[in-house]
């Protein structure tokens, strides 16, 4: 987005970011639903530098910088969460070879765990999403030996003691049971290595298969294994909201 020394009209910035048409953006400004750097704007024609300001609409941050990249990968099983692997094992960098951006991956998944992995060139957002103080929730589906006792969820929510300290789940539910196995959902904000596997093993249900299905409000959905997609504006806004940006 090119800018003049005086900046770009706010309604044009909102329109270019895909928030609304220029006319609808003017209505949003009239209604006091747009803020720039924390201040509500009601002035039509206000000019801003989209590379320097923080814009929110209805309290949700709008990404207006065209150089920002936000991607979701459905990491297949057997792929390592590194950009390069000196042993030439499959790694997530293999899916990004054609990109010139310097991307950060948001957290990691061990090689045997499938599912949602995020990439961005917004280092501040990536740092906050991974920092435990922001308590960003991550959701996992695990196949475990069954049946699952009724008190397992309570034990995980109350917390279990691991070799590197206590760990607790934010929520737990039994999704399905079949032929001596069970499918369970674990939600937690912990980010320690193998944390889901270690917690489930501690309560007697070692993981047979594990998939991360959600980070904050970004969902894996029916995205194919090995496929990469750009996050939409709502998903990016939700990530910023999750870390109070």
Protein backbone atom coordinates (compact mmCIF):
# COMPACT_ATOMS: atom_id res chain seq x y z
CA UNK A 1 0.00 0.00 0.00
CA UNK A 2 1.66 3.21 -1.11
CA UNK A 3 1.55 6.17 1.24
CA UNK A 4 2.00 9.89 0.70
CA UNK A 5 3.78 12.05 3.29
CA UNK A 6 0.34 12.96 4.63
CA UNK A 7 -0.74 9.33 4.87
CA UNK A 8 -3.77 7.49 3.46
CA UNK A 9 -7.41 8.22 4.19
CA UNK A 10 -8.63 5.91 6.93
CA UNK A 11 -11.65 4.68 4.96
CA UNK A 12 -9.34 3.70 2.09
CA UNK A 13 -7.07 1.80 4.48
CA UNK A 14 -10.07 -0.11 5.85
CA UNK A 15 -11.33 -0.86 2.36
CA UNK A 16 -7.91 -2.07 1.17
CA UNK A 17 -7.70 -4.33 4.23
CA UNK A 18 -10.98 -5.97 3.22
CA UNK A 19 -12.95 -4.68 6.20
CA UNK A 20 -15.68 -2.99 4.18
CA UNK A 21 -16.29 -0.88 1.11
CA UNK A 22 -15.21 2.75 1.43
CA UNK A 23 -18.80 3.85 1.94
CA UNK A 24 -19.39 1.19 4.60
CA UNK A 25 -16.07 2.13 6.21
CA UNK A 26 -17.28 5.72 6.45
CA UNK A 27 -20.39 4.43 8.26
CA UNK A 28 -18.17 2.49 10.69
CA UNK A 29 -16.24 5.68 11.43
CA UNK A 30 -19.47 7.68 11.90
CA UNK A 31 -20.69 5.05 14.37
CA UNK A 32 -17.51 5.31 16.47
CA UNK A 33 -16.53 1.70 15.76
CA UNK A 34 -13.01 2.47 14.53
CA UNK A 35 -10.03 3.37 16.69
CA UNK A 36 -6.50 4.36 15.72
CA UNK A 37 -3.76 3.86 18.30
CA UNK A 38 -6.41 3.44 20.98
CA UNK A 39 -8.39 6.60 20.15
CA UNK A 40 -11.87 6.41 18.63
CA UNK A 41 -11.99 8.23 15.28
CA UNK A 42 -15.14 9.96 14.03
CA UNK A 43 -13.45 12.33 11.60
CA UNK A 44 -14.05 11.46 7.95
CA UNK A 45 -10.97 11.77 5.78
CA UNK A 46 -8.48 11.32 8.60
CA UNK A 47 -5.15 10.29 7.14
CA UNK A 48 -2.96 7.63 8.72
CA UNK A 49 0.28 5.81 7.96
CA UNK A 50 -0.82 2.16 7.67
CA UNK A 51 2.72 0.96 8.39
CA UNK A 52 2.88 2.80 11.71
CA UNK A 53 -0.59 2.79 13.32
CA UNK A 54 -2.69 0.16 15.09
CA UNK A 55 -6.30 0.09 13.91
CA UNK A 56 -9.20 -1.70 15.61
CA UNK A 57 -12.76 -2.15 14.38
CA UNK A 58 -15.27 -3.19 17.05
CA UNK A 59 -12.32 -3.90 19.33
CA UNK A 60 -10.67 -6.34 16.91
CA UNK A 61 -7.33 -5.43 15.39
CA UNK A 62 -7.22 -4.98 11.63
CA UNK A 63 -4.01 -5.93 9.86
CA UNK A 64 -3.32 -3.29 7.22
CA UNK A 65 0.34 -3.92 6.43
CA UNK A 66 0.61 -5.71 3.13
CA UNK A 67 3.94 -7.31 4.05
CA UNK A 68 2.42 -9.29 6.93
CA UNK A 69 1.99 -13.02 6.38
CA UNK A 70 -0.19 -15.41 8.42
CA UNK A 71 -0.30 -19.07 7.38
CA UNK A 72 -1.69 -22.35 8.71
CA UNK A 73 -0.12 -25.72 7.94
CA UNK A 74 -1.69 -29.09 8.64
CA UNK A 75 1.56 -30.80 9.63
CA UNK A 76 1.56 -34.47 8.68
CA UNK A 77 2.81 -37.17 11.01
CA UNK A 78 6.52 -37.83 10.61
CA UNK A 79 7.40 -34.23 9.74
CA UNK A 80 9.71 -32.35 12.11
CA UNK A 81 8.91 -28.81 13.30
CA UNK A 82 12.12 -27.25 12.00
CA UNK A 83 12.84 -25.09 8.99
CA UNK A 84 15.93 -27.19 8.13
CA UNK A 85 17.00 -30.68 9.18
CA UNK A 86 20.70 -31.61 9.01
CA UNK A 87 19.73 -35.30 8.83
CA UNK A 88 17.54 -34.66 5.80
CA UNK A 89 14.40 -35.79 7.55
CA UNK A 90 11.09 -34.26 6.39
CA UNK A 91 10.56 -30.87 8.07
CA UNK A 92 8.03 -28.03 7.93
CA UNK A 93 10.55 -25.92 6.01
CA UNK A 94 9.94 -28.24 3.05
CA UNK A 95 6.45 -26.72 2.70
CA UNK A 96 7.83 -23.17 2.62
CA UNK A 97 10.73 -23.53 0.20
CA UNK A 98 9.14 -21.31 -2.43
CA UNK A 99 8.55 -18.40 -0.05
CA UNK A 100 11.00 -15.53 0.32
CA UNK A 101 9.53 -14.30 3.65
CA UNK A 102 11.38 -14.97 6.90
CA UNK A 103 8.67 -16.78 8.81
CA UNK A 104 8.43 -17.79 12.46
CA UNK A 105 6.54 -20.94 13.39
CA UNK A 106 4.26 -20.51 16.36
CA UNK A 107 5.19 -23.29 18.75
CA UNK A 108 6.12 -26.80 17.71
CA UNK A 109 4.64 -30.23 17.27
CA UNK A 110 6.72 -33.36 17.79
CA UNK A 111 7.29 -35.51 14.72
CA UNK A 112 4.59 -38.02 15.69
CA UNK A 113 1.95 -35.33 16.27
CA UNK A 114 -0.16 -34.04 13.41
CA UNK A 115 -2.18 -30.91 13.01
CA UNK A 116 -2.28 -27.15 13.15
CA UNK A 117 0.95 -25.17 13.01
CA UNK A 118 0.96 -21.40 12.40
CA UNK A 119 3.57 -19.32 10.59
CA UNK A 120 3.96 -15.54 10.48
CA UNK A 121 6.57 -12.85 9.87
CA UNK A 122 5.06 -10.83 12.72
CA UNK A 123 7.64 -11.61 15.40
CA UNK A 124 5.80 -9.78 18.19
CA UNK A 125 2.60 -11.75 17.58
CA UNK A 126 4.50 -15.04 17.35
CA UNK A 127 6.29 -14.32 20.65
CA UNK A 128 3.07 -13.50 22.46
CA UNK A 129 1.23 -16.54 21.10
CA UNK A 130 3.99 -18.78 22.49
CA UNK A 131 4.56 -16.98 25.81
CA UNK A 132 2.84 -18.77 28.72
CA UNK A 133 1.78 -15.49 30.34
CA UNK A 134 -0.82 -14.93 27.59
CA UNK A 135 -2.34 -18.39 28.20
CA UNK A 136 -3.30 -18.98 24.56
CA UNK A 137 -5.44 -22.10 24.43
CA UNK A 138 -4.52 -25.03 22.19
CA UNK A 139 -6.87 -27.93 21.50
CA UNK A 140 -5.82 -31.52 20.83
CA UNK A 141 -7.62 -34.72 19.85
CA UNK A 142 -5.94 -37.84 21.19
CA UNK A 143 -6.66 -41.49 20.55
CA UNK A 144 -5.90 -43.44 23.72
CA UNK A 145 -6.55 -46.93 25.09
CA UNK A 146 -10.05 -47.16 26.54
CA UNK A 147 -12.26 -47.17 28.37
CA UNK A 148 -11.63 -43.81 30.03
CA UNK A 149 -12.63 -43.63 33.68
CA UNK A 150 -15.07 -40.90 34.68
CA UNK A 151 -12.56 -39.20 37.00
CA UNK A 152 -9.83 -38.73 34.36
CA UNK A 153 -11.07 -35.30 33.32
CA UNK A 154 -11.17 -34.07 36.90
CA UNK A 155 -7.67 -35.38 37.55
CA UNK A 156 -6.30 -33.56 34.51
CA UNK A 157 -8.12 -30.31 35.32
CA UNK A 158 -6.97 -30.45 38.94
CA UNK A 159 -3.42 -31.06 37.77
CA UNK A 160 -0.96 -33.94 37.64
CA UNK A 161 2.67 -33.99 38.71
CA UNK A 162 5.20 -34.50 35.93
CA UNK A 163 8.97 -34.80 36.18
CA UNK A 164 9.34 -31.06 35.44
CA UNK A 165 6.51 -29.87 37.69
CA UNK A 166 2.72 -29.82 37.86
CA UNK A 167 0.56 -29.51 34.74
CA UNK A 168 -3.18 -29.10 34.33
CA UNK A 169 -5.66 -29.10 31.48
CA UNK A 170 -8.02 -26.17 30.93
CA UNK A 171 -10.68 -28.62 29.80
CA UNK A 172 -11.12 -32.29 28.94
CA UNK A 173 -13.91 -34.30 27.36
CA UNK A 174 -14.52 -37.77 26.05
CA UNK A 175 -15.43 -37.49 22.36
CA UNK A 176 -15.97 -41.16 21.44
CA UNK A 177 -15.31 -44.74 22.55
CA UNK A 178 -14.83 -47.78 20.31
CA UNK A 179 -13.21 -51.25 20.37
CA UNK A 180 -10.97 -50.76 23.38
CA UNK A 181 -9.95 -47.24 22.37
CA UNK A 182 -11.22 -43.73 23.07
CA UNK A 183 -11.01 -40.32 21.44
CA UNK A 184 -10.52 -37.48 23.92
CA UNK A 185 -10.19 -33.72 23.59
CA UNK A 186 -7.65 -31.88 25.73
CA UNK A 187 -7.44 -28.08 25.88
CA UNK A 188 -4.54 -26.39 27.60
CA UNK A 189 -2.32 -23.33 27.49
CA UNK A 190 0.83 -25.21 28.47
CA UNK A 191 3.65 -25.36 25.94
CA UNK A 192 6.15 -27.74 27.51
CA UNK A 193 7.64 -30.52 25.39
CA UNK A 194 5.32 -33.52 24.86
CA UNK A 195 3.00 -32.04 27.49
CA UNK A 196 -0.23 -33.68 26.24
CA UNK A 197 1.38 -37.08 25.83
CA UNK A 198 2.98 -36.92 29.28
CA UNK A 199 -0.23 -35.82 31.00
CA UNK A 200 -2.33 -38.54 29.43
CA UNK A 201 0.27 -41.18 30.18
CA UNK A 202 0.32 -40.01 33.81
CA UNK A 203 -3.40 -40.80 34.12
CA UNK A 204 -3.01 -44.21 32.50
CA UNK A 205 -3.90 -43.42 28.88
CA UNK A 206 -0.74 -43.28 26.73
CA UNK A 207 -1.36 -41.54 23.41
CA UNK A 208 -1.76 -43.71 20.32
CA UNK A 209 -2.35 -40.81 17.94
CA UNK A 210 -2.40 -37.04 18.52
CA UNK A 211 -3.66 -34.12 16.43
CA UNK A 212 -3.69 -30.41 17.30
CA UNK A 213 -6.98 -29.06 16.01
CA UNK A 214 -7.07 -25.46 17.21
CA UNK A 215 -4.94 -22.54 18.42
CA UNK A 216 -7.00 -19.77 20.03
CA UNK A 217 -9.92 -19.37 17.57
CA UNK A 218 -8.04 -20.68 14.52
CA UNK A 219 -9.30 -24.16 13.66
CA UNK A 220 -7.78 -26.89 11.53
CA UNK A 221 -11.17 -27.86 10.14
CA UNK A 222 -11.02 -30.04 7.04
CA UNK A 223 -7.65 -28.72 5.84
CA UNK A 224 -5.75 -31.50 4.08
CA UNK A 225 -2.56 -32.90 5.67
CA UNK A 226 0.45 -31.17 4.15
CA UNK A 227 -1.57 -28.23 2.86
CA UNK A 228 -0.77 -24.59 3.60
CA UNK A 229 -3.36 -21.81 3.64
CA UNK A 230 -3.49 -18.11 4.42
CA UNK A 231 -5.49 -17.14 7.50
CA UNK A 232 -8.49 -14.94 6.83
CA UNK A 233 -8.97 -11.50 8.37
CA UNK A 234 -11.25 -12.82 11.14
CA UNK A 235 -8.74 -15.48 12.16
CA UNK A 236 -5.85 -13.01 12.27
CA UNK A 237 -7.94 -10.60 14.32
CA UNK A 238 -8.78 -13.40 16.75
CA UNK A 239 -5.08 -14.16 17.26
CA UNK A 240 -4.38 -10.52 18.07
CA UNK A 241 -7.32 -10.47 20.48
CA UNK A 242 -6.04 -13.60 22.20
CA UNK A 243 -2.77 -11.84 23.08
CA UNK A 244 -4.27 -8.40 23.82
CA UNK A 245 -2.78 -6.61 20.83
